[in-house]
Amino acid sequence: MNSKIIGFTLLILSFMGGWLWMDYQSALHQPALVDKTVYIEIEKGDSLDRITDKLVDQKLAVKPFWFKVIALQEMHSKT
């Protein structure tokens, strides 16, 4: 019985991990714009949350969670 529960749990976790990886890759490679120019004013002191909100307010194809993850990855890779 325990091995069935463990196996089922691992199967579910595998599917979830695969879905998260595909969603991350989509966010990483999907362009935010297609055919228009958008200007966003980023003011000194704007937080990452505020910048993300500004992008979403402009109706850009940005996944807020992944945008923040990727921004933090880029920030840490520069240091």
Protein backbone atom coordinates (compact mmCIF):
# COMPACT_ATOMS: atom_id res chain seq x y z
CA MET A 1 0.00 0.00 0.00
CA ASN A 2 2.76 2.46 0.93
CA SER A 3 4.68 1.81 -2.30
CA LYS A 4 1.54 2.60 -4.33
CA ILE A 5 1.10 5.90 -2.51
CA ILE A 6 4.78 6.78 -2.95
CA GLY A 7 4.66 5.82 -6.63
CA PHE A 8 1.50 7.85 -7.23
CA THR A 9 2.98 10.83 -5.39
CA LEU A 10 6.16 10.65 -7.47
CA LEU A 11 4.10 10.42 -10.66
CA ILE A 12 2.09 13.52 -9.72
CA LEU A 13 5.25 15.40 -8.75
CA SER A 14 6.85 14.45 -12.06
CA PHE A 15 3.89 15.80 -14.02
CA MET A 16 3.87 18.99 -11.96
CA GLY A 17 7.61 19.46 -12.45
CA GLY A 18 7.26 18.95 -16.20
CA TRP A 19 4.40 21.42 -16.40
CA LEU A 20 6.34 24.01 -14.39
CA TRP A 21 9.40 23.56 -16.61
CA MET A 22 7.32 24.02 -19.79
CA ASP A 23 5.60 27.10 -18.32
CA TYR A 24 8.98 28.56 -17.33
CA GLN A 25 10.42 27.94 -20.81
CA SER A 26 7.34 29.55 -22.36
CA ALA A 27 7.77 32.64 -20.18
CA LEU A 28 11.48 32.75 -20.97
CA HIS A 29 11.11 32.62 -24.75
CA GLN A 30 7.71 34.20 -25.44
CA PRO A 31 7.92 37.79 -26.66
CA ALA A 32 6.01 40.31 -24.57
CA LEU A 33 5.09 42.38 -27.64
CA VAL A 34 4.07 41.57 -31.15
CA ASP A 35 3.23 44.70 -33.11
CA LYS A 36 3.29 47.82 -30.97
CA THR A 37 5.73 49.99 -29.09
CA VAL A 38 5.04 50.51 -25.41
CA TYR A 39 6.88 52.90 -23.12
CA ILE A 40 6.97 52.21 -19.42
CA GLU A 41 8.37 54.70 -16.97
CA ILE A 42 10.40 52.99 -14.29
CA GLU A 43 11.04 55.43 -11.51
CA LYS A 44 13.95 55.30 -9.12
CA GLY A 45 12.89 53.18 -6.18
CA ASP A 46 10.25 51.17 -8.07
CA SER A 47 10.11 47.66 -6.69
CA LEU A 48 10.07 44.58 -8.88
CA ASP A 49 6.40 44.14 -7.95
CA ARG A 50 5.63 47.70 -9.10
CA ILE A 51 7.50 47.22 -12.39
CA THR A 52 5.64 43.96 -12.99
CA ASP A 53 2.33 45.72 -12.31
CA LYS A 54 3.22 48.40 -14.85
CA LEU A 55 3.94 45.75 -17.48
CA VAL A 56 0.67 43.95 -16.77
CA ASP A 57 -1.24 47.27 -16.82
CA GLN A 58 0.03 47.80 -20.38
CA LYS A 59 -1.50 44.42 -21.35
CA LEU A 60 1.87 42.90 -22.19
CA ALA A 61 2.09 39.12 -22.42
CA VAL A 62 4.01 38.82 -19.16
CA LYS A 63 3.53 36.06 -16.62
CA PRO A 64 4.13 38.00 -13.39
CA PHE A 65 5.54 35.11 -11.34
CA TRP A 66 7.99 33.99 -14.02
CA PHE A 67 8.92 37.59 -14.88
CA LYS A 68 10.03 38.07 -11.27
CA VAL A 69 11.89 34.75 -11.19
CA ILE A 70 13.74 35.55 -14.43
CA ALA A 71 14.51 39.12 -13.29
CA LEU A 72 15.98 37.82 -10.02
CA GLN A 73 18.02 35.22 -11.92
CA GLU A 74 19.41 37.91 -14.21
CA MET A 75 20.16 40.19 -11.28
CA HIS A 76 22.08 37.44 -9.44
CA SER A 77 23.96 36.38 -12.55
CA LYS A 78 25.35 39.92 -12.92
CA THR A 79 26.91 39.93 -9.44
